[in-house]
Amino acid sequence: MRTDHVVSGFILTLLLASFAQAQGSIDVSKVTCDQFVHAKVGPRRMLGAWLSGFYNGKRNNQIIDTQSLEANLIKFQNFCYQEKNSKLPIMQAIEQVIQTSK
């Protein structure tokens, strides 16, 4: 395993652990777009990083592309900012964003 993957994972783990202590646990499947864009359940960047890791893990992709992560986060935020998507759970929203990106 490459050192940068270990360091990135360690940093993300520290961020998530410190946030979890302050907030408790988060059921990501119940977080809505409105909660995401208004940072009601945590910092958008942290949740965006978690979503990226989750979906990249499902695809067995172990590369962190920071430019792609930032672009995808902006695309996702724009999708969630739309009033019609505000009540949509982020796990469903990300699926829709992924489908429109293909």
PDB file of N, CA and C in Angstrom:
ATOM      1  N   MET A   1       0.843  -1.175   0.000  1.00  0.00           N
ATOM      2  CA  MET A   1       0.000   0.000   0.000  1.00  0.00           C
ATOM      3  C   MET A   1       0.887   1.236   0.000  1.00  0.00           C
ATOM      4  N   ARG A   2       0.531   2.187  -0.799  1.00  0.00           N
ATOM      5  CA  ARG A   2       1.348   3.393  -0.900  1.00  0.00           C
ATOM      6  C   ARG A   2       1.164   4.275   0.326  1.00  0.00           C
ATOM      7  N   THR A   3       2.207   4.975   0.678  1.00  0.00           N
ATOM      8  CA  THR A   3       2.217   5.818   1.870  1.00  0.00           C
ATOM      9  C   THR A   3       1.162   6.913   1.798  1.00  0.00           C
ATOM     10  N   ASP A   4       0.972   7.534   0.622  1.00  0.00           N
ATOM     11  CA  ASP A   4       0.000   8.626   0.521  1.00  0.00           C
ATOM     12  C   ASP A   4      -1.422   8.141   0.772  1.00  0.00           C
ATOM     13  N   HIS A   5      -1.732   6.892   0.437  1.00  0.00           N
ATOM     14  CA  HIS A   5      -3.054   6.335   0.722  1.00  0.00           C
ATOM     15  C   HIS A   5      -3.238   6.163   2.223  1.00  0.00           C
ATOM     16  N   VAL A   6      -2.206   5.690   2.885  1.00  0.00           N
ATOM     17  CA  VAL A   6      -2.265   5.485   4.327  1.00  0.00           C
ATOM     18  C   VAL A   6      -2.422   6.824   5.033  1.00  0.00           C
ATOM     19  N   VAL A   7      -1.646   7.808   4.633  1.00  0.00           N
ATOM     20  CA  VAL A   7      -1.712   9.135   5.253  1.00  0.00           C
ATOM     21  C   VAL A   7      -3.082   9.758   5.012  1.00  0.00           C
ATOM     22  N   SER A   8      -3.596   9.684   3.789  1.00  0.00           N
ATOM     23  CA  SER A   8      -4.916  10.243   3.479  1.00  0.00           C
ATOM     24  C   SER A   8      -5.995   9.567   4.307  1.00  0.00           C
ATOM     25  N   GLY A   9      -5.929   8.254   4.396  1.00  0.00           N
ATOM     26  CA  GLY A   9      -6.906   7.510   5.202  1.00  0.00           C
ATOM     27  C   GLY A   9      -6.824   7.873   6.666  1.00  0.00           C
ATOM     28  N   PHE A  10      -5.611   8.045   7.172  1.00  0.00           N
ATOM     29  CA  PHE A  10      -5.416   8.407   8.569  1.00  0.00           C
ATOM     30  C   PHE A  10      -6.003   9.788   8.858  1.00  0.00           C
ATOM     31  N   ILE A  11      -5.752  10.738   7.972  1.00  0.00           N
ATOM     32  CA  ILE A  11      -6.270  12.098   8.155  1.00  0.00           C
ATOM     33  C   ILE A  11      -7.790  12.092   8.130  1.00  0.00           C
ATOM     34  N   LEU A  12      -8.374  11.387   7.166  1.00  0.00           N
ATOM     35  CA  LEU A  12      -9.828  11.302   7.082  1.00  0.00           C
ATOM     36  C   LEU A  12     -10.406  10.644   8.330  1.00  0.00           C
ATOM     37  N   THR A  13      -9.755   9.612   8.816  1.00  0.00           N
ATOM     38  CA  THR A  13     -10.212   8.929  10.033  1.00  0.00           C
ATOM     39  C   THR A  13     -10.187   9.878  11.225  1.00  0.00           C
ATOM     40  N   LEU A  14      -9.126  10.664  11.352  1.00  0.00           N
ATOM     41  CA  LEU A  14      -9.048  11.634  12.453  1.00  0.00           C
ATOM     42  C   LEU A  14     -10.166  12.667  12.356  1.00  0.00           C
ATOM     43  N   LEU A  15     -10.417  13.160  11.141  1.00  0.00           N
ATOM     44  CA  LEU A  15     -11.488  14.140  10.951  1.00  0.00           C
ATOM     45  C   LEU A  15     -12.841  13.552  11.320  1.00  0.00           C
ATOM     46  N   LEU A  16     -13.106  12.357  10.831  1.00  0.00           N
ATOM     47  CA  LEU A  16     -14.382  11.720  11.121  1.00  0.00           C
ATOM     48  C   LEU A  16     -14.526  11.405  12.606  1.00  0.00           C
ATOM     49  N   ALA A  17     -13.462  10.942  13.232  1.00  0.00           N
ATOM     50  CA  ALA A  17     -13.511  10.606  14.658  1.00  0.00           C
ATOM     51  C   ALA A  17     -13.779  11.844  15.500  1.00  0.00           C
ATOM     52  N   SER A  18     -13.115  12.944  15.193  1.00  0.00           N
ATOM     53  CA  SER A  18     -13.319  14.161  15.973  1.00  0.00           C
ATOM     54  C   SER A  18     -14.719  14.704  15.769  1.00  0.00           C
ATOM     55  N   PHE A  19     -15.239  14.592  14.544  1.00  0.00           N
ATOM     56  CA  PHE A  19     -16.596  15.060  14.288  1.00  0.00           C
ATOM     57  C   PHE A  19     -17.614  14.151  14.974  1.00  0.00           C
ATOM     58  N   ALA A  20     -17.400  12.857  14.924  1.00  0.00           N
ATOM     59  CA  ALA A  20     -18.334  11.906  15.518  1.00  0.00           C
ATOM     60  C   ALA A  20     -18.444  12.108  17.026  1.00  0.00           C
ATOM     61  N   GLN A  21     -17.330  12.457  17.681  1.00  0.00           N
ATOM     62  CA  GLN A  21     -17.365  12.699  19.117  1.00  0.00           C
ATOM     63  C   GLN A  21     -18.251  13.896  19.439  1.00  0.00           C
ATOM     64  N   ALA A  22     -18.205  14.910  18.603  1.00  0.00           N
ATOM     65  CA  ALA A  22     -18.984  16.115  18.849  1.00  0.00           C
ATOM     66  C   ALA A  22     -20.443  15.925  18.457  1.00  0.00           C
ATOM     67  N   GLN A  23     -20.718  15.134  17.444  1.00  0.00           N
ATOM     68  CA  GLN A  23     -22.040  15.051  16.845  1.00  0.00           C
ATOM     69  C   GLN A  23     -22.748  13.741  17.125  1.00  0.00           C
ATOM     70  N   GLY A  24     -22.060  12.708  17.480  1.00  0.00           N
ATOM     71  CA  GLY A  24     -22.658  11.385  17.561  1.00  0.00           C
ATOM     72  C   GLY A  24     -22.513  10.713  16.214  1.00  0.00           C
ATOM     73  N   SER A  25     -23.321   9.717  15.970  1.00  0.00           N
ATOM     74  CA  SER A  25     -23.230   9.030  14.683  1.00  0.00           C
ATOM     75  C   SER A  25     -24.215   9.632  13.684  1.00  0.00           C
ATOM     76  N   ILE A  26     -23.914   9.450  12.403  1.00  0.00           N
ATOM     77  CA  ILE A  26     -24.740   9.993  11.330  1.00  0.00           C
ATOM     78  C   ILE A  26     -25.166   8.836  10.435  1.00  0.00           C
ATOM     79  N   ASP A  27     -26.465   8.698  10.209  1.00  0.00           N
ATOM     80  CA  ASP A  27     -26.962   7.731   9.249  1.00  0.00           C
ATOM     81  C   ASP A  27     -27.020   8.451   7.906  1.00  0.00           C
ATOM     82  N   VAL A  28     -25.987   8.263   7.113  1.00  0.00           N
ATOM     83  CA  VAL A  28     -25.838   8.999   5.857  1.00  0.00           C
ATOM     84  C   VAL A  28     -27.008   8.727   4.918  1.00  0.00           C
ATOM     85  N   SER A  29     -27.631   7.565   5.026  1.00  0.00           N
ATOM     86  CA  SER A  29     -28.756   7.236   4.145  1.00  0.00           C
ATOM     87  C   SER A  29     -29.970   8.123   4.403  1.00  0.00           C
ATOM     88  N   LYS A  30     -29.997   8.812   5.544  1.00  0.00           N
ATOM     89  CA  LYS A  30     -31.134   9.674   5.886  1.00  0.00           C
ATOM     90  C   LYS A  30     -30.839  11.161   5.724  1.00  0.00           C
ATOM     91  N   VAL A  31     -29.620  11.513   5.388  1.00  0.00           N
ATOM     92  CA  VAL A  31     -29.246  12.920   5.216  1.00  0.00           C
ATOM     93  C   VAL A  31     -29.817  13.416   3.893  1.00  0.00           C
ATOM     94  N   THR A  32     -30.510  14.544   3.934  1.00  0.00           N
ATOM     95  CA  THR A  32     -31.103  15.114   2.726  1.00  0.00           C
ATOM     96  C   THR A  32     -30.171  16.139   2.087  1.00  0.00           C
ATOM     97  N   CYS A  33     -30.474  16.483   0.849  1.00  0.00           N
ATOM     98  CA  CYS A  33     -29.695  17.514   0.157  1.00  0.00           C
ATOM     99  C   CYS A  33     -29.719  18.824   0.935  1.00  0.00           C
ATOM    100  N   ASP A  34     -30.873  19.181   1.482  1.00  0.00           N
ATOM    101  CA  ASP A  34     -30.984  20.414   2.253  1.00  0.00           C
ATOM    102  C   ASP A  34     -30.038  20.389   3.447  1.00  0.00           C
ATOM    103  N   GLN A  35     -30.004  19.278   4.150  1.00  0.00           N
ATOM    104  CA  GLN A  35     -29.108  19.160   5.297  1.00  0.00           C
ATOM    105  C   GLN A  35     -27.652  19.226   4.855  1.00  0.00           C
ATOM    106  N   PHE A  36     -27.351  18.632   3.694  1.00  0.00           N
ATOM    107  CA  PHE A  36     -25.989  18.634   3.180  1.00  0.00           C
ATOM    108  C   PHE A  36     -25.536  20.050   2.818  1.00  0.00           C
ATOM    109  N   VAL A  37     -26.313  20.755   1.985  1.00  0.00           N
ATOM    110  CA  VAL A  37     -25.858  22.063   1.499  1.00  0.00           C
ATOM    111  C   VAL A  37     -25.838  23.121   2.590  1.00  0.00           C
ATOM    112  N   HIS A  38     -26.633  22.944   3.627  1.00  0.00           N
ATOM    113  CA  HIS A  38     -26.625  23.918   4.721  1.00  0.00           C
ATOM    114  C   HIS A  38     -25.797  23.439   5.917  1.00  0.00           C
ATOM    115  N   ALA A  39     -25.012  22.379   5.687  1.00  0.00           N
ATOM    116  CA  ALA A  39     -24.081  21.848   6.689  1.00  0.00           C
ATOM    117  C   ALA A  39     -24.758  21.603   8.035  1.00  0.00           C
ATOM    118  N   LYS A  40     -25.981  21.061   7.991  1.00  0.00           N
ATOM    119  CA  LYS A  40     -26.727  20.802   9.228  1.00  0.00           C
ATOM    120  C   LYS A  40     -26.259  19.538   9.936  1.00  0.00           C
ATOM    121  N   VAL A  41     -25.569  18.664   9.226  1.00  0.00           N
ATOM    122  CA  VAL A  41     -25.102  17.421   9.838  1.00  0.00           C
ATOM    123  C   VAL A  41     -23.585  17.315   9.856  1.00  0.00           C
ATOM    124  N   GLY A  42     -22.910  18.338   9.381  1.00  0.00           N
ATOM    125  CA  GLY A  42     -21.453  18.330   9.366  1.00  0.00           C
ATOM    126  C   GLY A  42     -20.932  19.118   8.177  1.00  0.00           C
ATOM    127  N   PRO A  43     -19.651  19.353   8.157  1.00  0.00           N
ATOM    128  CA  PRO A  43     -19.044  20.103   7.051  1.00  0.00           C
ATOM    129  C   PRO A  43     -19.237  19.388   5.717  1.00  0.00           C
ATOM    130  N   ARG A  44     -19.639  20.156   4.696  1.00  0.00           N
ATOM    131  CA  ARG A  44     -19.878  19.588   3.359  1.00  0.00           C
ATOM    132  C   ARG A  44     -18.658  18.863   2.819  1.00  0.00           C
ATOM    133  N   ARG A  45     -17.490  19.418   3.008  1.00  0.00           N
ATOM    134  CA  ARG A  45     -16.280  18.796   2.486  1.00  0.00           C
ATOM    135  C   ARG A  45     -16.032  17.427   3.122  1.00  0.00           C
ATOM    136  N   MET A  46     -16.311  17.323   4.405  1.00  0.00           N
ATOM    137  CA  MET A  46     -16.120  16.048   5.075  1.00  0.00           C
ATOM    138  C   MET A  46     -17.106  15.006   4.541  1.00  0.00           C
ATOM    139  N   LEU A  47     -18.364  15.381   4.433  1.00  0.00           N
ATOM    140  CA  LEU A  47     -19.357  14.451   3.896  1.00  0.00           C
ATOM    141  C   LEU A  47     -19.069  14.132   2.433  1.00  0.00           C
ATOM    142  N   GLY A  48     -18.634  15.143   1.685  1.00  0.00           N
ATOM    143  CA  GLY A  48     -18.262  14.909   0.287  1.00  0.00           C
ATOM    144  C   GLY A  48     -17.104  13.921   0.174  1.00  0.00           C
ATOM    145  N   ALA A  49     -16.132  14.044   1.063  1.00  0.00           N
ATOM    146  CA  ALA A  49     -14.999  13.113   1.053  1.00  0.00           C
ATOM    147  C   ALA A  49     -15.467  11.710   1.416  1.00  0.00           C
ATOM    148  N   TRP A  50     -16.394  11.612   2.382  1.00  0.00           N
ATOM    149  CA  TRP A  50     -16.908  10.306   2.761  1.00  0.00           C
ATOM    150  C   TRP A  50     -17.658   9.679   1.584  1.00  0.00           C
ATOM    151  N   LEU A  51     -18.529  10.466   0.929  1.00  0.00           N
ATOM    152  CA  LEU A  51     -19.277   9.956  -0.228  1.00  0.00           C
ATOM    153  C   LEU A  51     -18.330   9.506  -1.334  1.00  0.00           C
ATOM    154  N   SER A  52     -17.305  10.305  -1.588  1.00  0.00           N
ATOM    155  CA  SER A  52     -16.327   9.948  -2.613  1.00  0.00           C
ATOM    156  C   SER A  52     -15.652   8.628  -2.266  1.00  0.00           C
ATOM    157  N   GLY A  53     -15.236   8.491  -1.024  1.00  0.00           N
ATOM    158  CA  GLY A  53     -14.594   7.252  -0.594  1.00  0.00           C
ATOM    159  C   GLY A  53     -15.528   6.062  -0.686  1.00  0.00           C
ATOM    160  N   PHE A  54     -16.787   6.264  -0.307  1.00  0.00           N
ATOM    161  CA  PHE A  54     -17.775   5.191  -0.351  1.00  0.00           C
ATOM    162  C   PHE A  54     -17.977   4.698  -1.788  1.00  0.00           C
ATOM    163  N   TYR A  55     -18.222   5.641  -2.703  1.00  0.00           N
ATOM    164  CA  TYR A  55     -18.500   5.245  -4.087  1.00  0.00           C
ATOM    165  C   TYR A  55     -17.245   4.767  -4.819  1.00  0.00           C
ATOM    166  N   ASN A  56     -16.101   5.343  -4.518  1.00  0.00           N
ATOM    167  CA  ASN A  56     -14.861   4.843  -5.112  1.00  0.00           C
ATOM    168  C   ASN A  56     -14.529   3.454  -4.576  1.00  0.00           C
ATOM    169  N   GLY A  57     -14.848   3.205  -3.324  1.00  0.00           N
ATOM    170  CA  GLY A  57     -14.651   1.881  -2.754  1.00  0.00           C
ATOM    171  C   GLY A  57     -15.537   0.839  -3.424  1.00  0.00           C
ATOM    172  N   LYS A  58     -16.779   1.231  -3.723  1.00  0.00           N
ATOM    173  CA  LYS A  58     -17.686   0.311  -4.418  1.00  0.00           C
ATOM    174  C   LYS A  58     -17.151  -0.058  -5.805  1.00  0.00           C
ATOM    175  N   ARG A  59     -16.416   0.889  -6.400  1.00  0.00           N
ATOM    176  CA  ARG A  59     -15.842   0.653  -7.730  1.00  0.00           C
ATOM    177  C   ARG A  59     -14.428   0.095  -7.644  1.00  0.00           C
ATOM    178  N   ASN A  60     -13.963  -0.191  -6.435  1.00  0.00           N
ATOM    179  CA  ASN A  60     -12.605  -0.695  -6.204  1.00  0.00           C
ATOM    180  C   ASN A  60     -11.535   0.267  -6.742  1.00  0.00           C
ATOM    181  N   ASN A  61     -11.823   1.549  -6.693  1.00  0.00           N
ATOM    182  CA  ASN A  61     -10.883   2.579  -7.127  1.00  0.00           C
ATOM    183  C   ASN A  61     -10.149   3.098  -5.890  1.00  0.00           C
ATOM    184  N   GLN A  62      -8.838   2.950  -5.869  1.00  0.00           N
ATOM    185  CA  GLN A  62      -8.056   3.345  -4.696  1.00  0.00           C
ATOM    186  C   GLN A  62      -7.217   4.596  -4.938  1.00  0.00           C
ATOM    187  N   ILE A  63      -7.555   5.349  -5.958  1.00  0.00           N
ATOM    188  CA  ILE A  63      -6.817   6.571  -6.296  1.00  0.00           C
ATOM    189  C   ILE A  63      -7.615   7.796  -5.836  1.00  0.00           C
ATOM    190  N   ILE A  64      -6.942   8.714  -5.189  1.00  0.00           N
ATOM    191  CA  ILE A  64      -7.565   9.977  -4.795  1.00  0.00           C
ATOM    192  C   ILE A  64      -7.153  11.036  -5.815  1.00  0.00           C
ATOM    193  N   ASP A  65      -8.124  11.485  -6.582  1.00  0.00           N
ATOM    194  CA  ASP A  65      -7.903  12.546  -7.567  1.00  0.00           C
ATOM    195  C   ASP A  65      -8.518  13.813  -6.991  1.00  0.00           C
ATOM    196  N   THR A  66      -7.706  14.681  -6.415  1.00  0.00           N
ATOM    197  CA  THR A  66      -8.217  15.850  -5.702  1.00  0.00           C
ATOM    198  C   THR A  66      -8.956  16.817  -6.612  1.00  0.00           C
ATOM    199  N   GLN A  67      -8.511  16.960  -7.852  1.00  0.00           N
ATOM    200  CA  GLN A  67      -9.204  17.855  -8.783  1.00  0.00           C
ATOM    201  C   GLN A  67     -10.581  17.314  -9.124  1.00  0.00           C
ATOM    202  N   SER A  68     -10.647  16.022  -9.356  1.00  0.00           N
ATOM    203  CA  SER A  68     -11.928  15.384  -9.653  1.00  0.00           C
ATOM    204  C   SER A  68     -12.850  15.452  -8.440  1.00  0.00           C
ATOM    205  N   LEU A  69     -12.303  15.237  -7.264  1.00  0.00           N
ATOM    206  CA  LEU A  69     -13.094  15.311  -6.037  1.00  0.00           C
ATOM    207  C   LEU A  69     -13.724  16.695  -5.890  1.00  0.00           C
ATOM    208  N   GLU A  70     -12.940  17.729  -6.104  1.00  0.00           N
ATOM    209  CA  GLU A  70     -13.445  19.104  -5.985  1.00  0.00           C
ATOM    210  C   GLU A  70     -14.512  19.391  -7.035  1.00  0.00           C
ATOM    211  N   ALA A  71     -14.273  18.989  -8.277  1.00  0.00           N
ATOM    212  CA  ALA A  71     -15.242  19.212  -9.356  1.00  0.00           C
ATOM    213  C   ALA A  71     -16.546  18.468  -9.077  1.00  0.00           C
ATOM    214  N   ASN A  72     -16.433  17.221  -8.606  1.00  0.00           N
ATOM    215  CA  ASN A  72     -17.625  16.436  -8.307  1.00  0.00           C
ATOM    216  C   ASN A  72     -18.390  17.005  -7.121  1.00  0.00           C
ATOM    217  N   LEU A  73     -17.679  17.523  -6.134  1.00  0.00           N
ATOM    218  CA  LEU A  73     -18.329  18.133  -4.978  1.00  0.00           C
ATOM    219  C   LEU A  73     -19.132  19.363  -5.407  1.00  0.00           C
ATOM    220  N   ILE A  74     -18.562  20.181  -6.270  1.00  0.00           N
ATOM    221  CA  ILE A  74     -19.266  21.363  -6.771  1.00  0.00           C
ATOM    222  C   ILE A  74     -20.507  20.955  -7.563  1.00  0.00           C
ATOM    223  N   LYS A  75     -20.353  19.958  -8.420  1.00  0.00           N
ATOM    224  CA  LYS A  75     -21.479  19.456  -9.218  1.00  0.00           C
ATOM    225  C   LYS A  75     -22.588  18.934  -8.298  1.00  0.00           C
ATOM    226  N   PHE A  76     -22.197  18.201  -7.268  1.00  0.00           N
ATOM    227  CA  PHE A  76     -23.165  17.639  -6.328  1.00  0.00           C
ATOM    228  C   PHE A  76     -23.863  18.741  -5.532  1.00  0.00           C
ATOM    229  N   GLN A  77     -23.094  19.724  -5.062  1.00  0.00           N
ATOM    230  CA  GLN A  77     -23.689  20.851  -4.323  1.00  0.00           C
ATOM    231  C   GLN A  77     -24.687  21.596  -5.195  1.00  0.00           C
ATOM    232  N   ASN A  78     -24.335  21.847  -6.453  1.00  0.00           N
ATOM    233  CA  ASN A  78     -25.252  22.539  -7.357  1.00  0.00           C
ATOM    234  C   ASN A  78     -26.543  21.755  -7.540  1.00  0.00           C
ATOM    235  N   PHE A  79     -26.434  20.432  -7.655  1.00  0.00           N
ATOM    236  CA  PHE A  79     -27.613  19.582  -7.782  1.00  0.00           C
ATOM    237  C   PHE A  79     -28.480  19.707  -6.530  1.00  0.00           C
ATOM    238  N   CYS A  80     -27.854  19.627  -5.371  1.00  0.00           N
ATOM    239  CA  CYS A  80     -28.595  19.670  -4.110  1.00  0.00           C
ATOM    240  C   CYS A  80     -29.182  21.049  -3.806  1.00  0.00           C
ATOM    241  N   TYR A  81     -28.567  22.103  -4.313  1.00  0.00           N
ATOM    242  CA  TYR A  81     -29.093  23.455  -4.088  1.00  0.00           C
ATOM    243  C   TYR A  81     -30.410  23.690  -4.805  1.00  0.00           C
ATOM    244  N   GLN A  82     -30.691  22.901  -5.831  1.00  0.00           N
ATOM    245  CA  GLN A  82     -31.949  23.069  -6.561  1.00  0.00           C
ATOM    246  C   GLN A  82     -33.111  22.725  -5.631  1.00  0.00           C
ATOM    247  N   GLU A  83     -34.090  23.610  -5.572  1.00  0.00           N
ATOM    248  CA  GLU A  83     -35.230  23.443  -4.667  1.00  0.00           C
ATOM    249  C   GLU A  83     -35.916  22.092  -4.834  1.00  0.00           C
ATOM    250  N   LYS A  84     -36.035  21.627  -6.075  1.00  0.00           N
ATOM    251  CA  LYS A  84     -36.729  20.359  -6.328  1.00  0.00           C
ATOM    252  C   LYS A  84     -35.985  19.154  -5.728  1.00  0.00           C
ATOM    253  N   ASN A  85     -34.710  19.316  -5.412  1.00  0.00           N
ATOM    254  CA  ASN A  85     -33.909  18.219  -4.867  1.00  0.00           C
ATOM    255  C   ASN A  85     -33.666  18.325  -3.362  1.00  0.00           C
ATOM    256  N   SER A  86     -34.197  19.347  -2.724  1.00  0.00           N
ATOM    257  CA  SER A  86     -33.855  19.618  -1.324  1.00  0.00           C
ATOM    258  C   SER A  86     -34.237  18.489  -0.370  1.00  0.00           C
ATOM    259  N   LYS A  87     -35.307  17.776  -0.620  1.00  0.00           N
ATOM    260  CA  LYS A  87     -35.759  16.702   0.270  1.00  0.00           C
ATOM    261  C   LYS A  87     -35.186  15.337  -0.108  1.00  0.00           C
ATOM    262  N   LEU A  88     -34.461  15.282  -1.201  1.00  0.00           N
ATOM    263  CA  LEU A  88     -33.900  14.025  -1.689  1.00  0.00           C
ATOM    264  C   LEU A  88     -32.745  13.577  -0.793  1.00  0.00           C
ATOM    265  N   PRO A  89     -32.741  12.309  -0.364  1.00  0.00           N
ATOM    266  CA  PRO A  89     -31.590  11.803   0.406  1.00  0.00           C
ATOM    267  C   PRO A  89     -30.317  11.878  -0.447  1.00  0.00           C
ATOM    268  N   ILE A  90     -29.194  12.230   0.178  1.00  0.00           N
ATOM    269  CA  ILE A  90     -27.971  12.430  -0.602  1.00  0.00           C
ATOM    270  C   ILE A  90     -27.490  11.164  -1.291  1.00  0.00           C
ATOM    271  N   MET A  91     -27.805  10.006  -0.723  1.00  0.00           N
ATOM    272  CA  MET A  91     -27.388   8.751  -1.368  1.00  0.00           C
ATOM    273  C   MET A  91     -28.131   8.559  -2.693  1.00  0.00           C
ATOM    274  N   GLN A  92     -29.380   9.010  -2.776  1.00  0.00           N
ATOM    275  CA  GLN A  92     -30.125   8.962  -4.030  1.00  0.00           C
ATOM    276  C   GLN A  92     -29.659  10.078  -4.962  1.00  0.00           C
ATOM    277  N   ALA A  93     -29.394  11.238  -4.391  1.00  0.00           N
ATOM    278  CA  ALA A  93     -28.950  12.377  -5.191  1.00  0.00           C
ATOM    279  C   ALA A  93     -27.627  12.075  -5.892  1.00  0.00           C
ATOM    280  N   ILE A  94     -26.699  11.472  -5.174  1.00  0.00           N
ATOM    281  CA  ILE A  94     -25.391  11.176  -5.767  1.00  0.00           C
ATOM    282  C   ILE A  94     -25.542  10.185  -6.916  1.00  0.00           C
ATOM    283  N   GLU A  95     -26.470   9.242  -6.778  1.00  0.00           N
ATOM    284  CA  GLU A  95     -26.725   8.291  -7.868  1.00  0.00           C
ATOM    285  C   GLU A  95     -27.201   9.027  -9.113  1.00  0.00           C
ATOM    286  N   GLN A  96     -28.076  10.014  -8.920  1.00  0.00           N
ATOM    287  CA  GLN A  96     -28.588  10.788 -10.055  1.00  0.00           C
ATOM    288  C   GLN A  96     -27.485  11.631 -10.673  1.00  0.00           C
ATOM    289  N   VAL A  97     -26.627  12.213  -9.863  1.00  0.00           N
ATOM    290  CA  VAL A  97     -25.520  13.019 -10.384  1.00  0.00           C
ATOM    291  C   VAL A  97     -24.548  12.135 -11.150  1.00  0.00           C
ATOM    292  N   ILE A  98     -24.286  10.953 -10.624  1.00  0.00           N
ATOM    293  CA  ILE A  98     -23.390  10.019 -11.310  1.00  0.00           C
ATOM    294  C   ILE A  98     -23.969   9.613 -12.661  1.00  0.00           C
ATOM    295  N   GLN A  99     -25.284   9.351 -12.692  1.00  0.00           N
ATOM    296  CA  GLN A  99     -25.924   8.940 -13.949  1.00  0.00           C
ATOM    297  C   GLN A  99     -25.874  10.037 -15.003  1.00  0.00           C
ATOM    298  N   THR A 100     -26.059  11.298 -14.601  1.00  0.00           N
ATOM    299  CA  THR A 100     -26.029  12.386 -15.574  1.00  0.00           C
ATOM    300  C   THR A 100     -24.610  12.720 -16.029  1.00  0.00           C
ATOM    301  N   SER A 101     -23.622  12.275 -15.255  1.00  0.00           N
ATOM    302  CA  SER A 101     -22.221  12.538 -15.614  1.00  0.00           C
ATOM    303  C   SER A 101     -21.675  11.550 -16.629  1.00  0.00           C
ATOM    304  N   LYS A 102     -22.361  10.442 -16.813  1.00  0.00           N
ATOM    305  CA  LYS A 102     -21.856   9.399 -17.726  1.00  0.00           C
ATOM    306  C   LYS A 102     -22.110   9.753 -19.167  1.00  0.00           C
TER     307      LYS A 102
END
